[in-house]
Amino acid sequence: MLDIRPFTMDDEAVVVKLWADCRLVVPWNDPHRDIHRKLAMQPEMFLVACLSDSVIGTVMAGYDGHRGWINYLAVHPDHRRSGIGNRLMEEAERLLRRAGCPKINLQVRRTNAAAIGFYEKIGFKIDEVVSLGKRLEPDEQAQTTAPPL
Protein backbone atom coordinates (compact mmCIF):
# COMPACT_ATOMS: atom_id res chain seq x y z
CA MET A 1 0.00 0.00 0.00
CA LEU A 2 1.29 3.46 -0.91
CA ASP A 3 2.01 5.79 2.00
CA ILE A 4 2.49 9.52 1.36
CA ARG A 5 4.07 11.30 4.28
CA PRO A 6 6.28 14.30 5.06
CA PHE A 7 10.00 13.96 4.35
CA THR A 8 12.30 13.21 7.30
CA MET A 9 16.08 13.61 7.44
CA ASP A 10 16.38 9.81 7.42
CA ASP A 11 15.10 9.99 3.81
CA GLU A 12 17.81 12.34 2.52
CA ALA A 13 20.26 9.89 0.91
CA VAL A 14 17.49 7.82 -0.70
CA VAL A 15 15.71 10.94 -2.00
CA VAL A 16 18.89 12.34 -3.57
CA LYS A 17 19.54 8.97 -5.26
CA LEU A 18 15.93 8.89 -6.49
CA TRP A 19 16.31 12.37 -7.97
CA ALA A 20 19.53 11.30 -9.71
CA ASP A 21 17.81 8.15 -11.04
CA CYS A 22 15.01 10.38 -12.35
CA ARG A 23 17.54 12.76 -13.93
CA LEU A 24 16.42 15.72 -11.83
CA VAL A 25 19.85 16.45 -10.39
CA VAL A 26 21.73 19.12 -12.33
CA PRO A 27 25.14 20.67 -11.65
CA TRP A 28 23.76 24.10 -10.78
CA ASN A 29 21.47 22.83 -7.98
CA ASP A 30 22.95 20.86 -5.09
CA PRO A 31 20.12 18.52 -4.04
CA HIS A 32 21.32 18.37 -0.42
CA ARG A 33 21.23 22.17 -0.18
CA ASP A 34 17.79 22.20 -1.86
CA ILE A 35 16.51 19.76 0.78
CA HIS A 36 17.88 21.83 3.65
CA ARG A 37 16.47 25.03 2.15
CA LYS A 38 13.05 23.41 1.85
CA LEU A 39 13.15 22.17 5.43
CA ALA A 40 13.57 25.80 6.51
CA MET A 41 10.37 26.83 4.66
CA GLN A 42 7.09 24.88 4.85
CA PRO A 43 8.72 21.47 5.51
CA GLU A 44 5.26 19.91 5.79
CA MET A 45 4.90 20.47 2.01
CA PHE A 46 7.88 18.22 1.19
CA LEU A 47 6.34 14.80 0.67
CA VAL A 48 7.65 11.31 -0.03
CA ALA A 49 5.74 8.33 -1.38
CA CYS A 50 6.70 4.97 0.13
CA LEU A 51 5.96 1.38 -0.77
CA SER A 52 6.94 -1.11 1.92
CA ASP A 53 8.99 1.60 3.66
CA SER A 54 10.97 2.31 0.47
CA VAL A 55 10.88 5.87 -0.86
CA ILE A 56 9.79 5.73 -4.50
CA GLY A 57 8.47 9.25 -5.06
CA THR A 58 8.75 12.86 -3.94
CA VAL A 59 7.20 16.25 -4.40
CA MET A 60 8.08 19.65 -2.97
CA ALA A 61 5.27 22.17 -2.79
CA GLY A 62 5.36 25.72 -1.54
CA TYR A 63 3.12 28.75 -1.29
CA ASP A 64 4.40 32.33 -1.28
CA GLY A 65 1.04 34.02 -0.65
CA HIS A 66 0.46 34.62 -4.36
CA ARG A 67 1.22 31.35 -6.17
CA GLY A 68 1.93 27.78 -5.26
CA TRP A 69 4.97 26.08 -6.70
CA ILE A 70 5.81 22.45 -7.40
CA ASN A 71 9.38 21.19 -7.51
CA TYR A 72 11.10 17.81 -7.50
CA LEU A 73 8.11 15.70 -8.48
CA ALA A 74 9.79 12.35 -9.00
CA VAL A 75 8.66 8.76 -9.28
CA HIS A 76 11.21 5.97 -9.50
CA PRO A 77 11.39 4.74 -13.12
CA ASP A 78 10.26 1.23 -12.07
CA HIS A 79 7.03 2.65 -10.62
CA ARG A 80 5.98 5.15 -13.27
CA ARG A 81 2.56 5.00 -14.91
CA SER A 82 1.07 3.45 -11.78
CA GLY A 83 -0.69 6.54 -10.44
CA ILE A 84 1.96 7.51 -7.89
CA GLY A 85 2.71 10.85 -9.57
CA ASN A 86 -1.01 11.62 -9.59
CA ARG A 87 -1.32 10.74 -5.90
CA LEU A 88 1.65 12.93 -4.99
CA MET A 89 0.22 15.85 -6.96
CA GLU A 90 -3.23 15.38 -5.41
CA GLU A 91 -1.71 15.56 -1.92
CA ALA A 92 0.43 18.58 -2.84
CA GLU A 93 -2.65 20.31 -4.26
CA ARG A 94 -4.63 19.48 -1.11
CA LEU A 95 -1.94 21.11 1.06
CA LEU A 96 -1.78 24.16 -1.21
CA ARG A 97 -5.57 24.58 -1.25
CA ARG A 98 -5.63 24.31 2.53
CA ALA A 99 -3.06 27.15 2.64
CA GLY A 100 -5.37 29.32 0.47
CA CYS A 101 -3.38 28.98 -2.74
CA PRO A 102 -5.31 30.11 -5.87
CA LYS A 103 -2.93 28.85 -8.61
CA ILE A 104 0.02 26.47 -8.98
CA ASN A 105 3.05 27.16 -11.13
CA LEU A 106 5.85 24.80 -12.04
CA GLN A 107 8.73 24.65 -14.46
CA VAL A 108 9.63 21.79 -16.78
CA ARG A 109 12.57 21.64 -19.12
CA ARG A 110 11.30 22.32 -22.62
CA THR A 111 12.83 19.04 -23.85
CA ASN A 112 11.00 16.89 -21.28
CA ALA A 113 7.95 15.97 -23.34
CA ALA A 114 6.93 13.14 -21.00
CA ALA A 115 6.71 15.46 -18.00
CA ILE A 116 4.86 18.12 -19.98
CA GLY A 117 2.37 15.46 -21.14
CA PHE A 118 1.87 14.24 -17.56
CA TYR A 119 1.13 17.73 -16.25
CA GLU A 120 -1.21 18.51 -19.14
CA LYS A 121 -3.09 15.27 -18.45
CA ILE A 122 -3.75 16.36 -14.85
CA GLY A 123 -5.01 19.80 -15.84
CA PHE A 124 -1.97 22.05 -16.21
CA LYS A 125 -1.69 24.34 -19.22
CA ILE A 126 1.35 25.97 -20.76
CA ASP A 127 1.33 29.62 -19.70
CA GLU A 128 2.38 32.20 -22.27
CA VAL A 129 5.20 33.53 -20.11
CA VAL A 130 8.97 33.53 -20.17
CA SER A 131 10.69 32.02 -17.18
CA LEU A 132 13.56 34.18 -15.92
CA GLY A 133 16.02 33.34 -13.21
CA LYS A 134 18.84 34.97 -11.35
CA ARG A 135 21.19 33.00 -9.16
CA LEU A 136 21.85 34.81 -5.88
CA GLU A 137 24.36 32.30 -4.58
CA PRO A 138 26.14 29.51 -6.40
CA ASP A 139 25.58 25.89 -5.45
CA GLU A 140 28.59 23.66 -5.48
CA GLN A 141 27.77 20.05 -6.02
CA ALA A 142 30.17 17.38 -4.88
CA GLN A 143 28.54 14.47 -6.66
CA THR A 144 28.31 13.24 -10.22
CA THR A 145 25.03 14.20 -11.85
CA ALA A 146 22.95 12.94 -14.71
CA PRO A 147 22.68 15.27 -17.71
CA PRO A 148 19.53 17.40 -17.87
CA LEU A 149 16.60 16.10 -19.90
C-alpha atoms as a PDB file:
ATOM      1  CA  MET A   1       0.000   0.000   0.000  1.00  0.00           C
ATOM      2  CA  LEU A   2       1.289   3.461  -0.909  1.00  0.00           C
ATOM      3  CA  ASP A   3       2.009   5.793   1.999  1.00  0.00           C
ATOM      4  CA  ILE A   4       2.486   9.517   1.360  1.00  0.00           C
ATOM      5  CA  ARG A   5       4.073  11.303   4.280  1.00  0.00           C
ATOM      6  CA  PRO A   6       6.278  14.300   5.058  1.00  0.00           C
ATOM      7  CA  PHE A   7      10.004  13.965   4.348  1.00  0.00           C
ATOM      8  CA  THR A   8      12.301  13.211   7.295  1.00  0.00           C
ATOM      9  CA  MET A   9      16.079  13.610   7.443  1.00  0.00           C
ATOM     10  CA  ASP A  10      16.381   9.810   7.423  1.00  0.00           C
ATOM     11  CA  ASP A  11      15.103   9.995   3.813  1.00  0.00           C
ATOM     12  CA  GLU A  12      17.813  12.343   2.521  1.00  0.00           C
ATOM     13  CA  ALA A  13      20.258   9.886   0.906  1.00  0.00           C
ATOM     14  CA  VAL A  14      17.492   7.821  -0.697  1.00  0.00           C
ATOM     15  CA  VAL A  15      15.713  10.936  -2.001  1.00  0.00           C
ATOM     16  CA  VAL A  16      18.890  12.345  -3.575  1.00  0.00           C
ATOM     17  CA  LYS A  17      19.537   8.971  -5.259  1.00  0.00           C
ATOM     18  CA  LEU A  18      15.934   8.887  -6.492  1.00  0.00           C
ATOM     19  CA  TRP A  19      16.313  12.371  -7.972  1.00  0.00           C
ATOM     20  CA  ALA A  20      19.530  11.304  -9.708  1.00  0.00           C
ATOM     21  CA  ASP A  21      17.814   8.151 -11.043  1.00  0.00           C
ATOM     22  CA  CYS A  22      15.011  10.379 -12.349  1.00  0.00           C
ATOM     23  CA  ARG A  23      17.540  12.762 -13.930  1.00  0.00           C
ATOM     24  CA  LEU A  24      16.416  15.720 -11.830  1.00  0.00           C
ATOM     25  CA  VAL A  25      19.847  16.448 -10.392  1.00  0.00           C
ATOM     26  CA  VAL A  26      21.731  19.116 -12.326  1.00  0.00           C
ATOM     27  CA  PRO A  27      25.141  20.672 -11.650  1.00  0.00           C
ATOM     28  CA  TRP A  28      23.765  24.098 -10.780  1.00  0.00           C
ATOM     29  CA  ASN A  29      21.475  22.829  -7.981  1.00  0.00           C
ATOM     30  CA  ASP A  30      22.955  20.861  -5.095  1.00  0.00           C
ATOM     31  CA  PRO A  31      20.122  18.519  -4.037  1.00  0.00           C
ATOM     32  CA  HIS A  32      21.315  18.370  -0.423  1.00  0.00           C
ATOM     33  CA  ARG A  33      21.225  22.166  -0.183  1.00  0.00           C
ATOM     34  CA  ASP A  34      17.786  22.198  -1.857  1.00  0.00           C
ATOM     35  CA  ILE A  35      16.515  19.759   0.779  1.00  0.00           C
ATOM     36  CA  HIS A  36      17.883  21.831   3.648  1.00  0.00           C
ATOM     37  CA  ARG A  37      16.475  25.027   2.146  1.00  0.00           C
ATOM     38  CA  LYS A  38      13.047  23.406   1.845  1.00  0.00           C
ATOM     39  CA  LEU A  39      13.148  22.170   5.426  1.00  0.00           C
ATOM     40  CA  ALA A  40      13.565  25.796   6.514  1.00  0.00           C
ATOM     41  CA  MET A  41      10.372  26.829   4.665  1.00  0.00           C
ATOM     42  CA  GLN A  42       7.092  24.877   4.852  1.00  0.00           C
ATOM     43  CA  PRO A  43       8.718  21.474   5.515  1.00  0.00           C
ATOM     44  CA  GLU A  44       5.259  19.905   5.786  1.00  0.00           C
ATOM     45  CA  MET A  45       4.904  20.467   2.015  1.00  0.00           C
ATOM     46  CA  PHE A  46       7.878  18.222   1.191  1.00  0.00           C
ATOM     47  CA  LEU A  47       6.343  14.795   0.672  1.00  0.00           C
ATOM     48  CA  VAL A  48       7.647  11.312  -0.029  1.00  0.00           C
ATOM     49  CA  ALA A  49       5.744   8.331  -1.380  1.00  0.00           C
ATOM     50  CA  CYS A  50       6.696   4.975   0.134  1.00  0.00           C
ATOM     51  CA  LEU A  51       5.958   1.379  -0.769  1.00  0.00           C
ATOM     52  CA  SER A  52       6.940  -1.108   1.924  1.00  0.00           C
ATOM     53  CA  ASP A  53       8.987   1.598   3.662  1.00  0.00           C
ATOM     54  CA  SER A  54      10.974   2.311   0.472  1.00  0.00           C
ATOM     55  CA  VAL A  55      10.878   5.874  -0.863  1.00  0.00           C
ATOM     56  CA  ILE A  56       9.792   5.726  -4.503  1.00  0.00           C
ATOM     57  CA  GLY A  57       8.470   9.246  -5.065  1.00  0.00           C
ATOM     58  CA  THR A  58       8.745  12.859  -3.944  1.00  0.00           C
ATOM     59  CA  VAL A  59       7.197  16.253  -4.398  1.00  0.00           C
ATOM     60  CA  MET A  60       8.077  19.647  -2.966  1.00  0.00           C
ATOM     61  CA  ALA A  61       5.265  22.173  -2.791  1.00  0.00           C
ATOM     62  CA  GLY A  62       5.358  25.724  -1.541  1.00  0.00           C
ATOM     63  CA  TYR A  63       3.115  28.748  -1.285  1.00  0.00           C
ATOM     64  CA  ASP A  64       4.401  32.325  -1.284  1.00  0.00           C
ATOM     65  CA  GLY A  65       1.045  34.020  -0.651  1.00  0.00           C
ATOM     66  CA  HIS A  66       0.462  34.622  -4.359  1.00  0.00           C
ATOM     67  CA  ARG A  67       1.218  31.346  -6.165  1.00  0.00           C
ATOM     68  CA  GLY A  68       1.934  27.783  -5.258  1.00  0.00           C
ATOM     69  CA  TRP A  69       4.972  26.078  -6.702  1.00  0.00           C
ATOM     70  CA  ILE A  70       5.809  22.450  -7.397  1.00  0.00           C
ATOM     71  CA  ASN A  71       9.380  21.189  -7.510  1.00  0.00           C
ATOM     72  CA  TYR A  72      11.095  17.814  -7.505  1.00  0.00           C
ATOM     73  CA  LEU A  73       8.105  15.695  -8.484  1.00  0.00           C
ATOM     74  CA  ALA A  74       9.791  12.352  -8.999  1.00  0.00           C
ATOM     75  CA  VAL A  75       8.657   8.761  -9.275  1.00  0.00           C
ATOM     76  CA  HIS A  76      11.206   5.970  -9.501  1.00  0.00           C
ATOM     77  CA  PRO A  77      11.392   4.742 -13.119  1.00  0.00           C
ATOM     78  CA  ASP A  78      10.263   1.225 -12.066  1.00  0.00           C
ATOM     79  CA  HIS A  79       7.027   2.649 -10.625  1.00  0.00           C
ATOM     80  CA  ARG A  80       5.977   5.151 -13.271  1.00  0.00           C
ATOM     81  CA  ARG A  81       2.558   5.005 -14.908  1.00  0.00           C
ATOM     82  CA  SER A  82       1.069   3.448 -11.784  1.00  0.00           C
ATOM     83  CA  GLY A  83      -0.692   6.544 -10.441  1.00  0.00           C
ATOM     84  CA  ILE A  84       1.962   7.514  -7.887  1.00  0.00           C
ATOM     85  CA  GLY A  85       2.708  10.853  -9.571  1.00  0.00           C
ATOM     86  CA  ASN A  86      -1.013  11.619  -9.587  1.00  0.00           C
ATOM     87  CA  ARG A  87      -1.318  10.742  -5.903  1.00  0.00           C
ATOM     88  CA  LEU A  88       1.655  12.930  -4.988  1.00  0.00           C
ATOM     89  CA  MET A  89       0.221  15.847  -6.957  1.00  0.00           C
ATOM     90  CA  GLU A  90      -3.234  15.380  -5.406  1.00  0.00           C
ATOM     91  CA  GLU A  91      -1.709  15.558  -1.922  1.00  0.00           C
ATOM     92  CA  ALA A  92       0.427  18.578  -2.838  1.00  0.00           C
ATOM     93  CA  GLU A  93      -2.653  20.313  -4.265  1.00  0.00           C
ATOM     94  CA  ARG A  94      -4.627  19.482  -1.109  1.00  0.00           C
ATOM     95  CA  LEU A  95      -1.944  21.107   1.056  1.00  0.00           C
ATOM     96  CA  LEU A  96      -1.780  24.155  -1.213  1.00  0.00           C
ATOM     97  CA  ARG A  97      -5.566  24.582  -1.253  1.00  0.00           C
ATOM     98  CA  ARG A  98      -5.627  24.313   2.531  1.00  0.00           C
ATOM     99  CA  ALA A  99      -3.061  27.147   2.639  1.00  0.00           C
ATOM    100  CA  GLY A 100      -5.367  29.321   0.469  1.00  0.00           C
ATOM    101  CA  CYS A 101      -3.377  28.977  -2.741  1.00  0.00           C
ATOM    102  CA  PRO A 102      -5.308  30.109  -5.870  1.00  0.00           C
ATOM    103  CA  LYS A 103      -2.930  28.850  -8.607  1.00  0.00           C
ATOM    104  CA  ILE A 104       0.015  26.472  -8.977  1.00  0.00           C
ATOM    105  CA  ASN A 105       3.052  27.164 -11.132  1.00  0.00           C
ATOM    106  CA  LEU A 106       5.854  24.800 -12.040  1.00  0.00           C
ATOM    107  CA  GLN A 107       8.731  24.649 -14.458  1.00  0.00           C
ATOM    108  CA  VAL A 108       9.633  21.789 -16.776  1.00  0.00           C
ATOM    109  CA  ARG A 109      12.570  21.643 -19.124  1.00  0.00           C
ATOM    110  CA  ARG A 110      11.300  22.324 -22.618  1.00  0.00           C
ATOM    111  CA  THR A 111      12.828  19.044 -23.852  1.00  0.00           C
ATOM    112  CA  ASN A 112      11.000  16.886 -21.278  1.00  0.00           C
ATOM    113  CA  ALA A 113       7.947  15.965 -23.341  1.00  0.00           C
ATOM    114  CA  ALA A 114       6.929  13.137 -21.004  1.00  0.00           C
ATOM    115  CA  ALA A 115       6.706  15.465 -17.996  1.00  0.00           C
ATOM    116  CA  ILE A 116       4.857  18.118 -19.981  1.00  0.00           C
ATOM    117  CA  GLY A 117       2.369  15.463 -21.138  1.00  0.00           C
ATOM    118  CA  PHE A 118       1.870  14.242 -17.563  1.00  0.00           C
ATOM    119  CA  TYR A 119       1.131  17.730 -16.253  1.00  0.00           C
ATOM    120  CA  GLU A 120      -1.212  18.515 -19.141  1.00  0.00           C
ATOM    121  CA  LYS A 121      -3.089  15.270 -18.446  1.00  0.00           C
ATOM    122  CA  ILE A 122      -3.746  16.357 -14.848  1.00  0.00           C
ATOM    123  CA  GLY A 123      -5.013  19.801 -15.840  1.00  0.00           C
ATOM    124  CA  PHE A 124      -1.968  22.049 -16.210  1.00  0.00           C
ATOM    125  CA  LYS A 125      -1.688  24.335 -19.220  1.00  0.00           C
ATOM    126  CA  ILE A 126       1.349  25.967 -20.758  1.00  0.00           C
ATOM    127  CA  ASP A 127       1.331  29.621 -19.703  1.00  0.00           C
ATOM    128  CA  GLU A 128       2.381  32.204 -22.268  1.00  0.00           C
ATOM    129  CA  VAL A 129       5.202  33.526 -20.105  1.00  0.00           C
ATOM    130  CA  VAL A 130       8.972  33.531 -20.171  1.00  0.00           C
ATOM    131  CA  SER A 131      10.694  32.023 -17.176  1.00  0.00           C
ATOM    132  CA  LEU A 132      13.558  34.176 -15.925  1.00  0.00           C
ATOM    133  CA  GLY A 133      16.017  33.343 -13.209  1.00  0.00           C
ATOM    134  CA  LYS A 134      18.844  34.972 -11.347  1.00  0.00           C
ATOM    135  CA  ARG A 135      21.192  32.999  -9.159  1.00  0.00           C
ATOM    136  CA  LEU A 136      21.850  34.811  -5.876  1.00  0.00           C
ATOM    137  CA  GLU A 137      24.362  32.302  -4.578  1.00  0.00           C
ATOM    138  CA  PRO A 138      26.141  29.508  -6.399  1.00  0.00           C
ATOM    139  CA  ASP A 139      25.575  25.891  -5.449  1.00  0.00           C
ATOM    140  CA  GLU A 140      28.585  23.660  -5.476  1.00  0.00           C
ATOM    141  CA  GLN A 141      27.769  20.055  -6.016  1.00  0.00           C
ATOM    142  CA  ALA A 142      30.167  17.383  -4.884  1.00  0.00           C
ATOM    143  CA  GLN A 143      28.545  14.465  -6.659  1.00  0.00           C
ATOM    144  CA  THR A 144      28.309  13.244 -10.217  1.00  0.00           C
ATOM    145  CA  THR A 145      25.030  14.199 -11.853  1.00  0.00           C
ATOM    146  CA  ALA A 146      22.954  12.942 -14.707  1.00  0.00           C
ATOM    147  CA  PRO A 147      22.679  15.269 -17.712  1.00  0.00           C
ATOM    148  CA  PRO A 148      19.526  17.401 -17.865  1.00  0.00           C
ATOM    149  CA  LEU A 149      16.598  16.103 -19.903  1.00  0.00           C
END
